[in-house]
C-alpha atoms as a PDB file:
ATOM      1  CA  MET A   1      -2.836  21.881  -8.805  1.00  0.00           C
ATOM      2  CA  THR A   2      -0.804  18.655  -8.161  1.00  0.00           C
ATOM      3  CA  ASP A   3       3.026  18.769  -8.859  1.00  0.00           C
ATOM      4  CA  GLU A   4       3.419  15.862 -11.311  1.00  0.00           C
ATOM      5  CA  THR A   5       7.076  15.051 -10.105  1.00  0.00           C
ATOM      6  CA  THR A   6       7.311  11.505  -9.704  1.00  0.00           C
ATOM      7  CA  VAL A   7       8.176  10.534  -6.031  1.00  0.00           C
ATOM      8  CA  VAL A   8       8.540   6.888  -6.411  1.00  0.00           C
ATOM      9  CA  GLU A   9       8.617   4.485  -9.376  1.00  0.00           C
ATOM     10  CA  PHE A  10       8.688   0.542  -9.592  1.00  0.00           C
ATOM     11  CA  LYS A  11      10.375  -0.746 -12.567  1.00  0.00           C
ATOM     12  CA  GLY A  12       9.754  -4.393 -13.358  1.00  0.00           C
ATOM     13  CA  VAL A  13      10.139  -5.406  -9.658  1.00  0.00           C
ATOM     14  CA  THR A  14      10.130  -9.193  -9.095  1.00  0.00           C
ATOM     15  CA  LYS A  15      10.525 -10.747  -5.415  1.00  0.00           C
ATOM     16  CA  ARG A  16      10.968 -14.482  -5.062  1.00  0.00           C
ATOM     17  CA  PHE A  17      11.241 -16.415  -1.639  1.00  0.00           C
ATOM     18  CA  LYS A  18      12.974 -19.554  -1.395  1.00  0.00           C
ATOM     19  CA  LEU A  19      11.283 -22.292   0.306  1.00  0.00           C
ATOM     20  CA  PRO A  20      12.726 -25.276   2.205  1.00  0.00           C
ATOM     21  CA  ARG A  21      13.421 -28.540   0.105  1.00  0.00           C
ATOM     22  CA  ALA A  22      10.371 -30.821  -0.197  1.00  0.00           C
ATOM     23  CA  GLY A  23      11.914 -33.856   1.556  1.00  0.00           C
ATOM     24  CA  PHE A  24      15.685 -35.017   1.732  1.00  0.00           C
ATOM     25  CA  PHE A  25      15.735 -35.660  -2.042  1.00  0.00           C
ATOM     26  CA  GLY A  26      13.359 -32.661  -3.167  1.00  0.00           C
ATOM     27  CA  GLY A  27      14.570 -30.007  -5.262  1.00  0.00           C
ATOM     28  CA  SER A  28      14.804 -26.301  -4.589  1.00  0.00           C
ATOM     29  CA  ARG A  29      11.574 -24.307  -4.513  1.00  0.00           C
ATOM     30  CA  CYS A  30      10.299 -20.678  -4.487  1.00  0.00           C
ATOM     31  CA  VAL A  31       7.332 -18.522  -4.234  1.00  0.00           C
ATOM     32  CA  THR A  32       6.978 -15.531  -6.399  1.00  0.00           C
ATOM     33  CA  ALA A  33       5.478 -12.801  -4.218  1.00  0.00           C
ATOM     34  CA  LEU A  34       5.841 -10.020  -6.802  1.00  0.00           C
ATOM     35  CA  ASP A  35       5.989 -10.650 -10.552  1.00  0.00           C
ATOM     36  CA  ASP A  36       7.113  -7.700 -12.872  1.00  0.00           C
ATOM     37  CA  VAL A  37       5.293  -4.770 -10.902  1.00  0.00           C
ATOM     38  CA  SER A  38       5.589  -1.273 -12.343  1.00  0.00           C
ATOM     39  CA  PHE A  39       3.986   1.829 -11.345  1.00  0.00           C
ATOM     40  CA  LYS A  40       4.613   5.502 -10.615  1.00  0.00           C
ATOM     41  CA  VAL A  41       3.426   7.784  -7.624  1.00  0.00           C
ATOM     42  CA  ALA A  42       3.230  11.423  -8.305  1.00  0.00           C
ATOM     43  CA  ARG A  43       3.876  14.072  -5.710  1.00  0.00           C
ATOM     44  CA  GLY A  44       0.795  14.878  -3.749  1.00  0.00           C
ATOM     45  CA  THR A  45      -1.162  11.880  -4.956  1.00  0.00           C
ATOM     46  CA  THR A  46      -2.203   8.390  -3.421  1.00  0.00           C
ATOM     47  CA  LEU A  47      -1.758   5.138  -5.009  1.00  0.00           C
ATOM     48  CA  GLY A  48      -4.151   2.695  -3.293  1.00  0.00           C
ATOM     49  CA  VAL A  49      -3.289  -1.044  -3.446  1.00  0.00           C
ATOM     50  CA  VAL A  50      -5.867  -3.747  -3.085  1.00  0.00           C
ATOM     51  CA  GLY A  51      -6.091  -7.259  -3.367  1.00  0.00           C
ATOM     52  CA  GLU A  52      -6.738 -10.520  -1.210  1.00  0.00           C
ATOM     53  CA  SER A  53      -4.307 -11.848   1.214  1.00  0.00           C
ATOM     54  CA  GLY A  54      -1.218 -13.205  -0.533  1.00  0.00           C
ATOM     55  CA  SER A  55      -1.548 -11.041  -3.478  1.00  0.00           C
ATOM     56  CA  GLY A  56       1.778  -9.316  -2.790  1.00  0.00           C
ATOM     57  CA  LYS A  57       0.698  -5.978  -1.008  1.00  0.00           C
ATOM     58  CA  SER A  58       2.741  -6.344   2.037  1.00  0.00           C
ATOM     59  CA  THR A  59       5.739  -7.463   0.001  1.00  0.00           C
ATOM     60  CA  LEU A  60       5.463  -4.366  -2.004  1.00  0.00           C
ATOM     61  CA  ALA A  61       5.434  -2.138   1.076  1.00  0.00           C
ATOM     62  CA  ARG A  62       8.383  -3.980   2.594  1.00  0.00           C
ATOM     63  CA  ILE A  63      10.435  -3.338  -0.610  1.00  0.00           C
ATOM     64  CA  LEU A  64       9.341   0.151  -0.774  1.00  0.00           C
ATOM     65  CA  LEU A  65      10.738   0.631   2.909  1.00  0.00           C
ATOM     66  CA  ARG A  66      13.825  -1.451   1.856  1.00  0.00           C
ATOM     67  CA  LEU A  67      12.909  -4.105   4.503  1.00  0.00           C
ATOM     68  CA  GLU A  68      13.237  -6.634   1.581  1.00  0.00           C
ATOM     69  CA  THR A  69      15.416  -6.694  -1.651  1.00  0.00           C
ATOM     70  CA  PRO A  70      13.778  -7.431  -5.107  1.00  0.00           C
ATOM     71  CA  SER A  71      15.098 -10.372  -6.932  1.00  0.00           C
ATOM     72  CA  ALA A  72      14.824  -8.320 -10.128  1.00  0.00           C
ATOM     73  CA  GLY A  73      13.878  -4.742 -11.225  1.00  0.00           C
ATOM     74  CA  THR A  74      14.474  -1.459  -9.759  1.00  0.00           C
ATOM     75  CA  VAL A  75      12.813   1.042  -7.140  1.00  0.00           C
ATOM     76  CA  GLU A  76      13.516   4.857  -7.564  1.00  0.00           C
ATOM     77  CA  VAL A  77      12.409   7.054  -4.752  1.00  0.00           C
ATOM     78  CA  VAL A  78      12.800  10.779  -5.665  1.00  0.00           C
ATOM     79  CA  GLY A  79      14.933   9.987  -8.571  1.00  0.00           C
ATOM     80  CA  GLN A  80      17.557   7.633  -6.525  1.00  0.00           C
ATOM     81  CA  ASP A  81      17.871   3.853  -6.893  1.00  0.00           C
ATOM     82  CA  LEU A  82      16.727   2.768  -3.554  1.00  0.00           C
ATOM     83  CA  PHE A  83      19.129  -0.370  -3.680  1.00  0.00           C
ATOM     84  CA  ALA A  84      22.127   1.294  -4.915  1.00  0.00           C
ATOM     85  CA  LEU A  85      22.521   3.826  -2.078  1.00  0.00           C
ATOM     86  CA  SER A  86      25.279   3.888   0.489  1.00  0.00           C
ATOM     87  CA  LEU A  87      24.530   3.731   4.121  1.00  0.00           C
ATOM     88  CA  ASP A  88      24.905   7.696   4.413  1.00  0.00           C
ATOM     89  CA  GLU A  89      22.751   8.269   1.401  1.00  0.00           C
ATOM     90  CA  LEU A  90      20.172   5.589   2.765  1.00  0.00           C
ATOM     91  CA  ARG A  91      20.139   7.498   6.167  1.00  0.00           C
ATOM     92  CA  ALA A  92      19.355  10.886   4.239  1.00  0.00           C
ATOM     93  CA  LEU A  93      16.711   9.142   2.103  1.00  0.00           C
ATOM     94  CA  ARG A  94      14.865   7.878   5.306  1.00  0.00           C
ATOM     95  CA  ARG A  95      13.845  11.336   6.078  1.00  0.00           C
ATOM     96  CA  ARG A  96      11.982  11.330   2.703  1.00  0.00           C
ATOM     97  CA  VAL A  97       9.964   8.072   3.290  1.00  0.00           C
ATOM     98  CA  GLN A  98       8.169   7.097   6.307  1.00  0.00           C
ATOM     99  CA  ALA A  99       5.534   4.510   7.272  1.00  0.00           C
ATOM    100  CA  VAL A 100       2.446   4.211   9.365  1.00  0.00           C
ATOM    101  CA  PHE A 101       1.594   0.524  10.184  1.00  0.00           C
ATOM    102  CA  GLN A 102      -1.736  -1.450  10.926  1.00  0.00           C
ATOM    103  CA  ASP A 103      -1.603  -2.021  14.522  1.00  0.00           C
ATOM    104  CA  PRO A 104      -0.813   1.181  16.701  1.00  0.00           C
ATOM    105  CA  TYR A 105      -0.699  -1.224  19.714  1.00  0.00           C
ATOM    106  CA  GLY A 106       2.096  -3.118  18.249  1.00  0.00           C
ATOM    107  CA  SER A 107       4.030  -0.311  16.409  1.00  0.00           C
ATOM    108  CA  LEU A 108       4.307   2.051  19.417  1.00  0.00           C
ATOM    109  CA  ASN A 109       6.183   1.289  22.839  1.00  0.00           C
ATOM    110  CA  PRO A 110       3.378   1.464  25.257  1.00  0.00           C
ATOM    111  CA  ARG A 111       5.771   2.754  28.052  1.00  0.00           C
ATOM    112  CA  GLN A 112       7.293   5.457  26.043  1.00  0.00           C
ATOM    113  CA  ARG A 113       6.039   9.027  26.436  1.00  0.00           C
ATOM    114  CA  VAL A 114       4.480  10.487  23.521  1.00  0.00           C
ATOM    115  CA  GLY A 115       6.903  13.391  23.196  1.00  0.00           C
ATOM    116  CA  SER A 116       9.732  11.202  22.712  1.00  0.00           C
ATOM    117  CA  ILE A 117       7.990   8.956  20.194  1.00  0.00           C
ATOM    118  CA  VAL A 118       6.935  11.462  17.878  1.00  0.00           C
ATOM    119  CA  VAL A 119      10.476  13.178  17.536  1.00  0.00           C
ATOM    120  CA  GLU A 120      12.304   9.713  17.452  1.00  0.00           C
ATOM    121  CA  PRO A 121      13.000   9.890  13.694  1.00  0.00           C
ATOM    122  CA  LEU A 122      14.397  13.361  14.267  1.00  0.00           C
ATOM    123  CA  VAL A 123      16.772  12.051  17.013  1.00  0.00           C
ATOM    124  CA  ALA A 124      17.794   9.236  14.792  1.00  0.00           C
ATOM    125  CA  GLN A 125      18.792  11.907  12.129  1.00  0.00           C
ATOM    126  CA  GLY A 126      21.055  13.593  14.661  1.00  0.00           C
ATOM    127  CA  GLN A 127      18.928  16.248  15.992  1.00  0.00           C
ATOM    128  CA  ARG A 128      19.789  16.980  19.659  1.00  0.00           C
ATOM    129  CA  ASP A 129      18.535  20.449  20.544  1.00  0.00           C
ATOM    130  CA  LYS A 130      15.783  19.703  23.132  1.00  0.00           C
ATOM    131  CA  LEU A 131      13.935  23.108  22.676  1.00  0.00           C
ATOM    132  CA  ALA A 132      13.736  22.431  18.983  1.00  0.00           C
ATOM    133  CA  LEU A 133      12.549  18.950  19.532  1.00  0.00           C
ATOM    134  CA  ARG A 134       9.865  19.888  21.952  1.00  0.00           C
ATOM    135  CA  SER A 135       8.591  22.618  19.710  1.00  0.00           C
ATOM    136  CA  ARG A 136       8.662  20.307  16.861  1.00  0.00           C
ATOM    137  CA  ALA A 137       6.564  17.760  18.990  1.00  0.00           C
ATOM    138  CA  GLN A 138       3.988  20.378  19.960  1.00  0.00           C
ATOM    139  CA  GLU A 139       3.583  21.354  16.429  1.00  0.00           C
ATOM    140  CA  LEU A 140       3.016  17.638  15.443  1.00  0.00           C
ATOM    141  CA  LEU A 141       0.439  16.841  17.899  1.00  0.00           C
ATOM    142  CA  ALA A 142      -1.378  19.975  16.867  1.00  0.00           C
ATOM    143  CA  MET A 143      -1.364  18.697  13.230  1.00  0.00           C
ATOM    144  CA  VAL A 144      -3.096  15.465  14.275  1.00  0.00           C
ATOM    145  CA  GLY A 145      -5.467  16.885  16.697  1.00  0.00           C
ATOM    146  CA  LEU A 146      -4.018  15.827  19.920  1.00  0.00           C
ATOM    147  CA  PRO A 147      -3.520  18.390  22.873  1.00  0.00           C
ATOM    148  CA  GLU A 148       0.035  19.563  24.118  1.00  0.00           C
ATOM    149  CA  ARG A 149      -0.496  17.938  27.403  1.00  0.00           C
ATOM    150  CA  ALA A 150      -0.114  14.443  25.636  1.00  0.00           C
ATOM    151  CA  LEU A 151       3.576  15.134  25.422  1.00  0.00           C
ATOM    152  CA  GLY A 152       4.312  13.858  28.727  1.00  0.00           C
ATOM    153  CA  GLN A 153       1.970  11.114  28.957  1.00  0.00           C
ATOM    154  CA  PRO A 154       2.832   7.318  28.273  1.00  0.00           C
ATOM    155  CA  VAL A 155       1.278   5.647  25.184  1.00  0.00           C
ATOM    156  CA  HIS A 156      -0.683   3.044  27.164  1.00  0.00           C
ATOM    157  CA  GLU A 157      -2.897   5.925  28.301  1.00  0.00           C
ATOM    158  CA  PHE A 158      -4.391   6.573  24.861  1.00  0.00           C
ATOM    159  CA  SER A 159      -6.921   4.604  22.715  1.00  0.00           C
ATOM    160  CA  GLY A 160      -6.341   2.851  19.317  1.00  0.00           C
ATOM    161  CA  GLY A 161      -7.449   5.915  17.289  1.00  0.00           C
ATOM    162  CA  GLN A 162      -5.246   8.331  19.362  1.00  0.00           C
ATOM    163  CA  ARG A 163      -2.369   5.990  19.180  1.00  0.00           C
ATOM    164  CA  GLN A 164      -2.605   6.048  15.331  1.00  0.00           C
ATOM    165  CA  ARG A 165      -2.647   9.775  15.437  1.00  0.00           C
ATOM    166  CA  ILE A 166       0.742   9.458  17.453  1.00  0.00           C
ATOM    167  CA  ALA A 167       2.058   7.137  14.836  1.00  0.00           C
ATOM    168  CA  ILE A 168       0.990   9.551  11.997  1.00  0.00           C
ATOM    169  CA  ALA A 169       2.732  12.402  14.011  1.00  0.00           C
ATOM    170  CA  ARG A 170       5.981  10.543  14.231  1.00  0.00           C
ATOM    171  CA  ALA A 171       5.865   9.825  10.503  1.00  0.00           C
ATOM    172  CA  LEU A 172       5.490  13.539   9.635  1.00  0.00           C
ATOM    173  CA  SER A 173       8.213  14.559  11.947  1.00  0.00           C
ATOM    174  CA  VAL A 174      10.953  14.557   9.383  1.00  0.00           C
ATOM    175  CA  LYS A 175       8.820  16.198   6.762  1.00  0.00           C
ATOM    176  CA  PRO A 176       8.659  13.115   4.343  1.00  0.00           C
ATOM    177  CA  GLU A 177       7.616  13.327   0.684  1.00  0.00           C
ATOM    178  CA  LEU A 178       5.978   9.750   0.869  1.00  0.00           C
ATOM    179  CA  ILE A 179       4.276   7.912   3.654  1.00  0.00           C
ATOM    180  CA  VAL A 180       3.458   4.038   3.096  1.00  0.00           C
ATOM    181  CA  LEU A 181       0.282   3.447   4.960  1.00  0.00           C
ATOM    182  CA  ASP A 182      -0.075  -0.203   5.535  1.00  0.00           C
ATOM    183  CA  GLU A 183      -4.012  -0.706   6.328  1.00  0.00           C
ATOM    184  CA  PRO A 184      -3.685   2.085   8.802  1.00  0.00           C
ATOM    185  CA  THR A 185      -7.282   2.100   9.824  1.00  0.00           C
ATOM    186  CA  SER A 186      -8.353  -1.470   9.521  1.00  0.00           C
ATOM    187  CA  SER A 187      -8.189  -1.959  13.525  1.00  0.00           C
ATOM    188  CA  LEU A 188     -10.324   1.048  14.318  1.00  0.00           C
ATOM    189  CA  ASP A 189     -13.924   1.593  14.845  1.00  0.00           C
ATOM    190  CA  VAL A 190     -15.839   3.121  11.865  1.00  0.00           C
ATOM    191  CA  SER A 191     -16.246   6.551  13.364  1.00  0.00           C
ATOM    192  CA  ILE A 192     -12.623   6.798  14.305  1.00  0.00           C
ATOM    193  CA  ARG A 193     -11.612   5.528  10.970  1.00  0.00           C
ATOM    194  CA  ALA A 194     -13.184   8.514   9.387  1.00  0.00           C
ATOM    195  CA  GLN A 195     -11.381  10.921  11.610  1.00  0.00           C
ATOM    196  CA  ILE A 196      -7.981   9.301  10.777  1.00  0.00           C
ATOM    197  CA  LEU A 197      -8.751   9.371   6.964  1.00  0.00           C
ATOM    198  CA  ASN A 198      -9.923  12.949   7.222  1.00  0.00           C
ATOM    199  CA  ILE A 199      -6.575  13.818   8.993  1.00  0.00           C
ATOM    200  CA  LEU A 200      -4.719  12.135   6.274  1.00  0.00           C
ATOM    201  CA  LYS A 201      -6.483  13.729   3.397  1.00  0.00           C
ATOM    202  CA  THR A 202      -6.092  17.297   5.117  1.00  0.00           C
ATOM    203  CA  LEU A 203      -2.328  16.696   5.727  1.00  0.00           C
ATOM    204  CA  GLN A 204      -1.769  15.662   2.038  1.00  0.00           C
ATOM    205  CA  ARG A 205      -3.650  18.685   0.846  1.00  0.00           C
ATOM    206  CA  GLU A 206      -1.471  21.011   3.124  1.00  0.00           C
ATOM    207  CA  LEU A 207       1.785  19.322   2.948  1.00  0.00           C
ATOM    208  CA  ARG A 208       1.717  17.900  -0.631  1.00  0.00           C
ATOM    209  CA  ILE A 209       2.528  14.380   0.679  1.00  0.00           C
ATOM    210  CA  SER A 210       2.451  11.268  -1.428  1.00  0.00           C
ATOM    211  CA  TYR A 211       1.000   8.029  -0.054  1.00  0.00           C
ATOM    212  CA  VAL A 212       0.802   4.401  -0.923  1.00  0.00           C
ATOM    213  CA  PHE A 213      -2.231   3.348   0.773  1.00  0.00           C
ATOM    214  CA  ILE A 214      -2.484  -0.331   1.249  1.00  0.00           C
ATOM    215  CA  GLY A 215      -5.864  -1.857   2.261  1.00  0.00           C
ATOM    216  CA  HIS A 216      -8.683  -4.353   2.118  1.00  0.00           C
ATOM    217  CA  ASP A 217     -11.690  -2.287   2.473  1.00  0.00           C
ATOM    218  CA  LEU A 218     -12.446  -0.939  -1.030  1.00  0.00           C
ATOM    219  CA  GLN A 219     -14.488   2.073   0.332  1.00  0.00           C
ATOM    220  CA  THR A 220     -11.609   3.281   2.333  1.00  0.00           C
ATOM    221  CA  VAL A 221      -9.154   2.805  -0.424  1.00  0.00           C
ATOM    222  CA  ARG A 222     -11.495   4.602  -2.779  1.00  0.00           C
ATOM    223  CA  PHE A 223     -11.808   7.588  -0.429  1.00  0.00           C
ATOM    224  CA  MET A 224      -8.105   7.965  -0.197  1.00  0.00           C
ATOM    225  CA  SER A 225      -6.813   6.984  -3.751  1.00  0.00           C
ATOM    226  CA  THR A 226      -5.915   9.022  -6.692  1.00  0.00           C
ATOM    227  CA  THR A 227      -4.883   5.839  -8.640  1.00  0.00           C
ATOM    228  CA  LEU A 228      -5.953   2.338  -7.687  1.00  0.00           C
ATOM    229  CA  CYS A 229      -3.691  -0.648  -8.279  1.00  0.00           C
ATOM    230  CA  VAL A 230      -5.402  -4.034  -8.033  1.00  0.00           C
ATOM    231  CA  MET A 231      -3.115  -7.015  -7.230  1.00  0.00           C
ATOM    232  CA  TYR A 232      -3.659 -10.778  -7.773  1.00  0.00           C
ATOM    233  CA  PHE A 233      -1.073 -13.471  -7.345  1.00  0.00           C
ATOM    234  CA  GLY A 234       1.706 -11.249  -7.195  1.00  0.00           C
ATOM    235  CA  ARG A 235       0.886  -9.295 -10.389  1.00  0.00           C
ATOM    236  CA  ILE A 236      -0.838  -6.028 -11.150  1.00  0.00           C
ATOM    237  CA  VAL A 237      -3.941  -6.976 -12.772  1.00  0.00           C
ATOM    238  CA  GLU A 238      -5.751  -3.541 -13.095  1.00  0.00           C
ATOM    239  CA  ILE A 239      -4.324  -0.043 -12.460  1.00  0.00           C
ATOM    240  CA  GLY A 240      -5.653   3.379 -13.373  1.00  0.00           C
ATOM    241  CA  PRO A 241      -7.321   6.562 -12.043  1.00  0.00           C
ATOM    242  CA  ALA A 242      -9.444   5.529  -9.051  1.00  0.00           C
ATOM    243  CA  ALA A 243     -12.802   6.838 -10.079  1.00  0.00           C
ATOM    244  CA  GLU A 244     -12.554   5.133 -13.485  1.00  0.00           C
ATOM    245  CA  VAL A 245     -11.608   1.813 -12.176  1.00  0.00           C
ATOM    246  CA  PHE A 246     -14.429   1.903  -9.577  1.00  0.00           C
ATOM    247  CA  ALA A 247     -17.056   3.006 -12.101  1.00  0.00           C
ATOM    248  CA  CYS A 248     -15.750   0.784 -14.974  1.00  0.00           C
ATOM    249  CA  PRO A 249     -13.570  -2.034 -13.709  1.00  0.00           C
ATOM    250  CA  ALA A 250     -11.825  -3.795 -16.827  1.00  0.00           C
ATOM    251  CA  HIS A 251     -10.682  -7.057 -15.045  1.00  0.00           C
ATOM    252  CA  PRO A 252     -13.224  -9.693 -13.655  1.00  0.00           C
ATOM    253  CA  TYR A 253     -11.084  -9.881 -10.428  1.00  0.00           C
ATOM    254  CA  THR A 254     -11.613  -6.113  -9.875  1.00  0.00           C
ATOM    255  CA  GLY A 255     -15.343  -6.620 -10.693  1.00  0.00           C
ATOM    256  CA  MET A 256     -15.579  -9.529  -8.159  1.00  0.00           C
ATOM    257  CA  LEU A 257     -13.999  -7.458  -5.310  1.00  0.00           C
ATOM    258  CA  LEU A 258     -16.510  -4.536  -5.964  1.00  0.00           C
ATOM    259  CA  ARG A 259     -19.417  -6.832  -6.016  1.00  0.00           C
ATOM    260  CA  ILE A 260     -18.467  -8.249  -2.764  1.00  0.00           C
ATOM    261  CA  ALA A 261     -17.841  -4.743  -1.326  1.00  0.00           C
ATOM    262  CA  ARG A 262     -20.979  -3.501  -2.410  1.00  0.00           C
ATOM    263  CA  SER A 263     -23.180  -6.403  -1.301  1.00  0.00           C
ATOM    264  CA  ARG A 264     -25.667  -5.550   1.418  1.00  0.00           C
ATOM    265  CA  ASP A 265     -26.255  -9.165   2.241  1.00  0.00           C
ATOM    266  CA  ALA A 266     -25.104 -10.548   5.656  1.00  0.00           C
ATOM    267  CA  ILE A 267     -23.480 -13.451   3.929  1.00  0.00           C
ATOM    268  CA  VAL A 268     -21.534 -12.891   0.779  1.00  0.00           C
ATOM    269  CA  PRO A 269     -21.467 -15.689  -1.580  1.00  0.00           C
ATOM    270  CA  ALA A 270     -17.905 -17.178  -1.719  1.00  0.00           C
ATOM    271  CA  PRO A 271     -16.080 -16.429  -5.074  1.00  0.00           C
ATOM    272  CA  VAL A 272     -16.025 -19.234  -7.523  1.00  0.00           C
ATOM    273  CA  GLY A 273     -13.037 -21.634  -7.830  1.00  0.00           C
ATOM    274  CA  GLU A 274      -9.898 -21.591  -5.708  1.00  0.00           C
ATOM    275  CA  PRO A 275      -6.668 -19.277  -5.950  1.00  0.00           C
ATOM    276  CA  PRO A 276      -3.802 -21.312  -7.668  1.00  0.00           C
ATOM    277  CA  ASP A 277      -0.948 -22.816  -5.510  1.00  0.00           C
ATOM    278  CA  PRO A 278       1.913 -20.390  -5.350  1.00  0.00           C
ATOM    279  CA  VAL A 279       4.575 -23.038  -5.279  1.00  0.00           C
ATOM    280  CA  THR A 280       3.193 -24.450  -8.674  1.00  0.00           C
ATOM    281  CA  PRO A 281       1.803 -21.506 -10.496  1.00  0.00           C
ATOM    282  CA  PRO A 282      -0.353 -22.367 -13.457  1.00  0.00           C
ATOM    283  CA  GLN A 283       0.403 -21.632 -17.113  1.00  0.00           C
ATOM    284  CA  GLY A 284      -1.553 -18.635 -18.572  1.00  0.00           C
ATOM    285  CA  CYS A 285      -3.719 -16.350 -16.625  1.00  0.00           C
ATOM    286  CA  ALA A 286      -3.574 -17.042 -12.948  1.00  0.00           C
ATOM    287  CA  PHE A 287      -7.149 -15.982 -12.512  1.00  0.00           C
ATOM    288  CA  ARG A 288      -8.657 -18.365 -14.984  1.00  0.00           C
ATOM    289  CA  SER A 289      -9.583 -21.054 -12.619  1.00  0.00           C
ATOM    290  CA  ARG A 290     -12.137 -18.353 -10.893  1.00  0.00           C
ATOM    291  CA  CYS A 291     -13.161 -16.313 -14.032  1.00  0.00           C
ATOM    292  CA  GLN A 292     -16.370 -16.874 -15.743  1.00  0.00           C
ATOM    293  CA  ARG A 293     -15.013 -15.247 -18.922  1.00  0.00           C
ATOM    294  CA  ALA A 294     -12.045 -17.433 -19.372  1.00  0.00           C
ATOM    295  CA  THR A 295     -11.434 -18.746 -22.900  1.00  0.00           C
ATOM    296  CA  SER A 296      -8.738 -21.103 -24.377  1.00  0.00           C
ATOM    297  CA  VAL A 297      -6.262 -18.450 -24.724  1.00  0.00           C
ATOM    298  CA  CYS A 298      -6.413 -17.745 -20.984  1.00  0.00           C
ATOM    299  CA  GLU A 299      -5.226 -21.346 -20.307  1.00  0.00           C
ATOM    300  CA  THR A 300      -1.589 -20.869 -22.278  1.00  0.00           C
ATOM    301  CA  LEU A 301      -0.962 -17.150 -22.460  1.00  0.00           C
ATOM    302  CA  GLU A 302      -0.337 -14.819 -19.672  1.00  0.00           C
ATOM    303  CA  PRO A 303      -2.227 -11.693 -20.381  1.00  0.00           C
ATOM    304  CA  PRO A 304       0.073  -8.397 -20.481  1.00  0.00           C
ATOM    305  CA  LEU A 305      -1.196  -4.938 -18.961  1.00  0.00           C
ATOM    306  CA  ARG A 306      -2.765  -3.109 -21.835  1.00  0.00           C
ATOM    307  CA  GLY A 307      -4.732   0.053 -22.119  1.00  0.00           C
ATOM    308  CA  VAL A 308      -8.454   0.016 -21.657  1.00  0.00           C
ATOM    309  CA  GLY A 309     -11.170   2.683 -21.192  1.00  0.00           C
ATOM    310  CA  GLY A 310      -9.634   6.285 -20.675  1.00  0.00           C
ATOM    311  CA  ALA A 311      -5.899   7.436 -20.336  1.00  0.00           C
ATOM    312  CA  HIS A 312      -3.651   5.585 -18.003  1.00  0.00           C
ATOM    313  CA  HIS A 313      -6.110   2.713 -17.335  1.00  0.00           C
ATOM    314  CA  TYR A 314      -4.638  -0.760 -17.974  1.00  0.00           C
ATOM    315  CA  ALA A 315      -5.751  -4.203 -17.339  1.00  0.00           C
ATOM    316  CA  ALA A 316      -4.204  -7.555 -17.762  1.00  0.00           C
ATOM    317  CA  CYS A 317      -7.005  -9.516 -19.230  1.00  0.00           C
ATOM    318  CA  HIS A 318      -7.527 -11.148 -22.630  1.00  0.00           C
ATOM    319  CA  ASN A 319     -11.078 -10.213 -22.630  1.00  0.00           C
ATOM    320  CA  ALA A 320     -10.895  -6.707 -21.011  1.00  0.00           C
ATOM    321  CA  GLY A 321     -13.644  -4.585 -22.395  1.00  0.00           C
ATOM    322  CA  ALA A 322     -16.193  -7.180 -22.786  1.00  0.00           C
ATOM    323  CA  ARG A 323     -19.137  -6.633 -20.562  1.00  0.00           C
ATOM    324  CA  VAL A 324     -16.977  -4.069 -18.609  1.00  0.00           C
ATOM    325  CA  ASN A 325     -19.819  -2.085 -17.149  1.00  0.00           C
ATOM    326  CA  SER A 326     -21.651  -5.322 -15.718  1.00  0.00           C
ATOM    327  CA  LEU A 327     -18.871  -6.425 -13.698  1.00  0.00           C
ATOM    328  CA  ALA A 328     -19.417  -4.192 -10.657  1.00  0.00           C
ATOM    329  CA  ARG A 329     -23.281  -4.750 -10.719  1.00  0.00           C
END
């Protein structure tokens, strides 16, 4: 049974980035990276986030890790407003939220020894007992399938897959309730990728950790996700139970992604149309220039998220429900 306690909740989160002026007499400009994004992640579940480059996935992750501040909206982690915390409160919350990044070669110091890396968050939280730290390091390596002798070895002696195991062990060191996984397997070989995903699944089942899993590979995201969140142009265009969204996508953008992912051709046909210019966003639906189902209402009215299909399945499309089952064929 999954404890349905909410671990993280986004409420109407918007993030705008200011751009340099266009010339000496040009006015101020901005790009909206996230636009009114709302979702919840329950304890012991995984929110998978997919979308093309520039859809807002990385900005979402950076806000969740408090590396960026939202322009509007709130983010609650285990019931606390993430951006209303004092420094001491934030330090305490850091134990509950950790991250594993895409590139294990860039996220780990190659000269540092594994033992010191995996307990680094504990040291940052004030743990100084060397025997306790070593014992915890041994436990962490066993959890990710690495031998105890690895503790004394420098990171540069390990492969990419082994380094990602080390990164996962480091994230687990403070017993977090949520881990943000930003494309953690995209740089790994297929066989190694499967091993890492199985480790993450096992850890979630045993430790009841929640994940926010960001990725491009839909099959990987499908394997990991409880709930699937599809983003386009900074907005959530579809969100719902992962199995239902994959089986019956309600938004044409989701259907397009699934068709590309399922194509067995060596060369996949390029999607119709071009993404809009983020500096001058269009009126109405941002996907309409690429959508074969666009109608006149799509040109003037931005579609809100509304219920489609089963419970907790939502899509931002004026024509959601029309030919839904044909989208992924």
